[in-house]
Amino acid sequence: MSETATDSQQFGRLYCTFTPTFSPIDQVPGMQLEITARGKPSESTVVSAFDLLDQQHVAVVETFAAVTTPELHQYWGRRDAR
């Protein structure tokens, strides 16, 4: 069984960028959110690579929830996994 990162272990970097945009259809202003997770697996194995992807997925989902509002969550149909 492979190890997973705990709150005290760093396993990569997370980048969060907001960019002002306009809708291509009606030119309504908006914001584009881009969340990128990067890291290196702890070992050179497929299992370790997938473990890192799982950890990064959790980090991206938690960041999305933290930087967006409940109203937007409802608009996008986000369901809380807890």
N, C-alpha and C. Protein backbone atom coordinates (compact mmCIF):
# COMPACT_ATOMS: atom_id res chain seq x y z
N MET A 1 0.85 -1.17 0.00
CA MET A 1 0.00 0.00 0.00
C MET A 1 0.90 1.24 0.00
N SER A 2 0.52 2.22 -0.72
CA SER A 2 1.34 3.42 -0.83
C SER A 2 0.95 4.44 0.23
N GLU A 3 1.85 5.38 0.46
CA GLU A 3 1.59 6.44 1.43
C GLU A 3 0.81 7.57 0.77
N THR A 4 0.05 8.27 1.56
CA THR A 4 -0.62 9.47 1.08
C THR A 4 -0.11 10.64 1.88
N ALA A 5 -0.20 11.84 1.32
CA ALA A 5 0.28 13.03 2.00
C ALA A 5 -0.65 13.40 3.15
N THR A 6 -0.06 13.80 4.23
CA THR A 6 -0.85 14.34 5.34
C THR A 6 -0.77 15.85 5.27
N ASP A 7 -1.46 16.52 6.18
CA ASP A 7 -1.47 17.97 6.17
C ASP A 7 -0.06 18.56 6.32
N SER A 8 0.85 17.84 6.96
CA SER A 8 2.19 18.37 7.20
C SER A 8 3.18 18.01 6.09
N GLN A 9 2.78 17.20 5.14
CA GLN A 9 3.68 16.80 4.06
C GLN A 9 3.37 17.60 2.81
N GLN A 10 4.42 18.13 2.18
CA GLN A 10 4.24 18.83 0.92
C GLN A 10 4.42 17.83 -0.20
N PHE A 11 3.49 17.83 -1.16
CA PHE A 11 3.61 16.88 -2.27
C PHE A 11 3.54 17.56 -3.62
N GLY A 12 3.61 18.88 -3.67
CA GLY A 12 3.60 19.57 -4.94
C GLY A 12 3.23 21.03 -4.76
N ARG A 13 2.91 21.65 -5.88
CA ARG A 13 2.51 23.06 -5.88
C ARG A 13 1.15 23.19 -6.53
N LEU A 14 0.44 24.21 -6.08
CA LEU A 14 -0.89 24.49 -6.62
C LEU A 14 -0.91 25.95 -7.06
N TYR A 15 -1.33 26.18 -8.29
CA TYR A 15 -1.41 27.53 -8.84
C TYR A 15 -2.87 27.84 -9.12
N CYS A 16 -3.31 29.03 -8.69
CA CYS A 16 -4.69 29.45 -8.88
C CYS A 16 -4.66 30.83 -9.55
N THR A 17 -5.28 30.93 -10.73
CA THR A 17 -5.26 32.17 -11.50
C THR A 17 -6.67 32.56 -11.90
N PHE A 18 -7.00 33.82 -11.68
CA PHE A 18 -8.26 34.40 -12.18
C PHE A 18 -7.92 35.35 -13.31
N THR A 19 -8.61 35.22 -14.43
CA THR A 19 -8.38 36.08 -15.59
C THR A 19 -9.71 36.68 -16.03
N PRO A 20 -9.77 38.03 -16.16
CA PRO A 20 -11.01 38.63 -16.65
C PRO A 20 -11.27 38.21 -18.10
N THR A 21 -12.52 37.91 -18.41
CA THR A 21 -12.90 37.47 -19.75
C THR A 21 -14.21 38.12 -20.17
N PHE A 22 -14.55 37.91 -21.43
CA PHE A 22 -15.85 38.30 -21.97
C PHE A 22 -16.44 37.11 -22.69
N SER A 23 -17.72 36.88 -22.54
CA SER A 23 -18.40 35.80 -23.24
C SER A 23 -18.29 36.02 -24.74
N PRO A 24 -17.90 34.98 -25.50
CA PRO A 24 -17.79 35.15 -26.95
C PRO A 24 -19.14 35.35 -27.63
N ILE A 25 -20.22 34.97 -26.96
CA ILE A 25 -21.55 35.08 -27.58
C ILE A 25 -22.14 36.47 -27.40
N ASP A 26 -22.16 36.96 -26.15
CA ASP A 26 -22.84 38.25 -25.91
C ASP A 26 -21.95 39.28 -25.23
N GLN A 27 -20.65 39.00 -25.13
CA GLN A 27 -19.67 39.93 -24.57
C GLN A 27 -19.94 40.32 -23.10
N VAL A 28 -20.60 39.45 -22.34
CA VAL A 28 -20.83 39.68 -20.93
C VAL A 28 -19.51 39.43 -20.20
N PRO A 29 -19.11 40.37 -19.32
CA PRO A 29 -17.85 40.16 -18.60
C PRO A 29 -17.95 39.02 -17.60
N GLY A 30 -16.84 38.36 -17.39
CA GLY A 30 -16.78 37.25 -16.44
C GLY A 30 -15.35 37.02 -16.00
N MET A 31 -15.15 35.92 -15.30
CA MET A 31 -13.82 35.54 -14.83
C MET A 31 -13.55 34.09 -15.20
N GLN A 32 -12.35 33.83 -15.63
CA GLN A 32 -11.91 32.46 -15.89
C GLN A 32 -11.03 32.04 -14.73
N LEU A 33 -11.34 30.90 -14.14
CA LEU A 33 -10.56 30.34 -13.04
C LEU A 33 -9.75 29.17 -13.57
N GLU A 34 -8.45 29.21 -13.33
CA GLU A 34 -7.58 28.11 -13.71
C GLU A 34 -6.84 27.64 -12.47
N ILE A 35 -6.98 26.35 -12.16
CA ILE A 35 -6.29 25.76 -11.01
C ILE A 35 -5.39 24.65 -11.56
N THR A 36 -4.09 24.77 -11.31
CA THR A 36 -3.12 23.81 -11.81
C THR A 36 -2.36 23.20 -10.65
N ALA A 37 -2.28 21.89 -10.61
CA ALA A 37 -1.51 21.18 -9.58
C ALA A 37 -0.31 20.53 -10.26
N ARG A 38 0.85 20.69 -9.64
CA ARG A 38 2.07 20.09 -10.17
C ARG A 38 2.83 19.42 -9.04
N GLY A 39 3.48 18.34 -9.35
CA GLY A 39 4.27 17.66 -8.34
C GLY A 39 5.01 16.48 -8.93
N LYS A 40 5.85 15.89 -8.12
CA LYS A 40 6.63 14.72 -8.53
C LYS A 40 6.24 13.57 -7.61
N PRO A 41 5.90 12.42 -8.19
CA PRO A 41 5.58 11.26 -7.35
C PRO A 41 6.74 10.92 -6.41
N SER A 42 6.41 10.35 -5.27
CA SER A 42 7.44 10.01 -4.29
C SER A 42 8.34 8.88 -4.77
N GLU A 43 7.83 8.06 -5.68
CA GLU A 43 8.61 6.95 -6.25
C GLU A 43 8.35 6.90 -7.75
N SER A 44 9.19 6.21 -8.47
CA SER A 44 9.04 6.07 -9.92
C SER A 44 8.19 4.84 -10.26
N THR A 45 6.97 4.82 -9.72
CA THR A 45 6.07 3.70 -9.99
C THR A 45 4.73 4.26 -10.46
N VAL A 46 3.98 3.43 -11.14
CA VAL A 46 2.65 3.82 -11.59
C VAL A 46 1.74 4.08 -10.39
N VAL A 47 1.83 3.25 -9.38
CA VAL A 47 1.01 3.42 -8.18
C VAL A 47 1.29 4.77 -7.53
N SER A 48 2.56 5.13 -7.41
CA SER A 48 2.93 6.41 -6.81
C SER A 48 2.43 7.58 -7.65
N ALA A 49 2.49 7.43 -8.97
CA ALA A 49 1.99 8.49 -9.86
C ALA A 49 0.48 8.68 -9.69
N PHE A 50 -0.25 7.59 -9.61
CA PHE A 50 -1.70 7.69 -9.41
C PHE A 50 -2.05 8.22 -8.01
N ASP A 51 -1.25 7.87 -7.01
CA ASP A 51 -1.46 8.44 -5.67
C ASP A 51 -1.30 9.95 -5.70
N LEU A 52 -0.28 10.43 -6.41
CA LEU A 52 -0.08 11.87 -6.53
C LEU A 52 -1.26 12.52 -7.25
N LEU A 53 -1.74 11.90 -8.32
CA LEU A 53 -2.90 12.45 -9.04
C LEU A 53 -4.12 12.53 -8.13
N ASP A 54 -4.32 11.51 -7.31
CA ASP A 54 -5.45 11.54 -6.36
C ASP A 54 -5.30 12.69 -5.36
N GLN A 55 -4.10 12.89 -4.84
CA GLN A 55 -3.85 13.97 -3.89
C GLN A 55 -4.06 15.33 -4.56
N GLN A 56 -3.58 15.45 -5.79
CA GLN A 56 -3.74 16.71 -6.51
C GLN A 56 -5.21 16.99 -6.81
N HIS A 57 -5.96 15.96 -7.14
CA HIS A 57 -7.38 16.13 -7.41
C HIS A 57 -8.09 16.69 -6.19
N VAL A 58 -7.79 16.14 -5.03
CA VAL A 58 -8.39 16.62 -3.78
C VAL A 58 -8.01 18.08 -3.55
N ALA A 59 -6.74 18.43 -3.77
CA ALA A 59 -6.28 19.80 -3.56
C ALA A 59 -6.99 20.77 -4.51
N VAL A 60 -7.18 20.37 -5.76
CA VAL A 60 -7.86 21.23 -6.74
C VAL A 60 -9.33 21.42 -6.35
N VAL A 61 -10.01 20.36 -5.97
CA VAL A 61 -11.43 20.45 -5.58
C VAL A 61 -11.58 21.32 -4.34
N GLU A 62 -10.71 21.14 -3.35
CA GLU A 62 -10.80 21.95 -2.13
C GLU A 62 -10.50 23.43 -2.42
N THR A 63 -9.55 23.68 -3.31
CA THR A 63 -9.24 25.06 -3.68
C THR A 63 -10.40 25.69 -4.43
N PHE A 64 -10.99 24.95 -5.36
CA PHE A 64 -12.16 25.46 -6.08
C PHE A 64 -13.25 25.85 -5.09
N ALA A 65 -13.54 24.99 -4.12
CA ALA A 65 -14.58 25.27 -3.13
C ALA A 65 -14.22 26.49 -2.28
N ALA A 66 -12.93 26.68 -2.00
CA ALA A 66 -12.50 27.78 -1.14
C ALA A 66 -12.53 29.13 -1.84
N VAL A 67 -12.31 29.17 -3.15
CA VAL A 67 -12.20 30.45 -3.85
C VAL A 67 -13.46 30.83 -4.62
N THR A 68 -14.48 29.99 -4.56
CA THR A 68 -15.75 30.31 -5.22
C THR A 68 -16.87 30.36 -4.18
N THR A 69 -17.99 30.96 -4.57
CA THR A 69 -19.09 31.16 -3.62
C THR A 69 -20.10 30.02 -3.68
N PRO A 70 -20.88 29.84 -2.62
CA PRO A 70 -21.94 28.83 -2.64
C PRO A 70 -22.95 29.08 -3.76
N GLU A 71 -23.20 30.33 -4.11
CA GLU A 71 -24.12 30.64 -5.21
C GLU A 71 -23.59 30.09 -6.53
N LEU A 72 -22.30 30.24 -6.74
CA LEU A 72 -21.71 29.68 -7.97
C LEU A 72 -21.70 28.16 -7.93
N HIS A 73 -21.48 27.58 -6.76
CA HIS A 73 -21.53 26.11 -6.64
C HIS A 73 -22.92 25.61 -7.07
N GLN A 74 -23.94 26.30 -6.62
CA GLN A 74 -25.31 25.91 -6.98
C GLN A 74 -25.53 26.08 -8.48
N TYR A 75 -25.06 27.18 -9.06
CA TYR A 75 -25.21 27.44 -10.49
C TYR A 75 -24.56 26.34 -11.32
N TRP A 76 -23.37 25.89 -10.90
CA TRP A 76 -22.64 24.85 -11.64
C TRP A 76 -23.09 23.45 -11.28
N GLY A 77 -23.97 23.31 -10.28
CA GLY A 77 -24.45 21.98 -9.90
C GLY A 77 -23.42 21.21 -9.09
N ARG A 78 -22.56 21.91 -8.38
CA ARG A 78 -21.57 21.22 -7.55
C ARG A 78 -22.26 20.49 -6.42
N ARG A 79 -21.81 19.26 -6.18
CA ARG A 79 -22.34 18.46 -5.07
C ARG A 79 -21.23 18.26 -4.07
N ASP A 80 -21.51 18.49 -2.80
CA ASP A 80 -20.50 18.30 -1.76
C ASP A 80 -20.33 16.80 -1.53
N ALA A 81 -19.09 16.36 -1.57
CA ALA A 81 -18.80 14.93 -1.45
C ALA A 81 -18.84 14.46 0.00
N ARG A 82 -18.94 15.36 0.95
CA ARG A 82 -18.92 14.96 2.36
C ARG A 82 -20.26 14.53 2.84
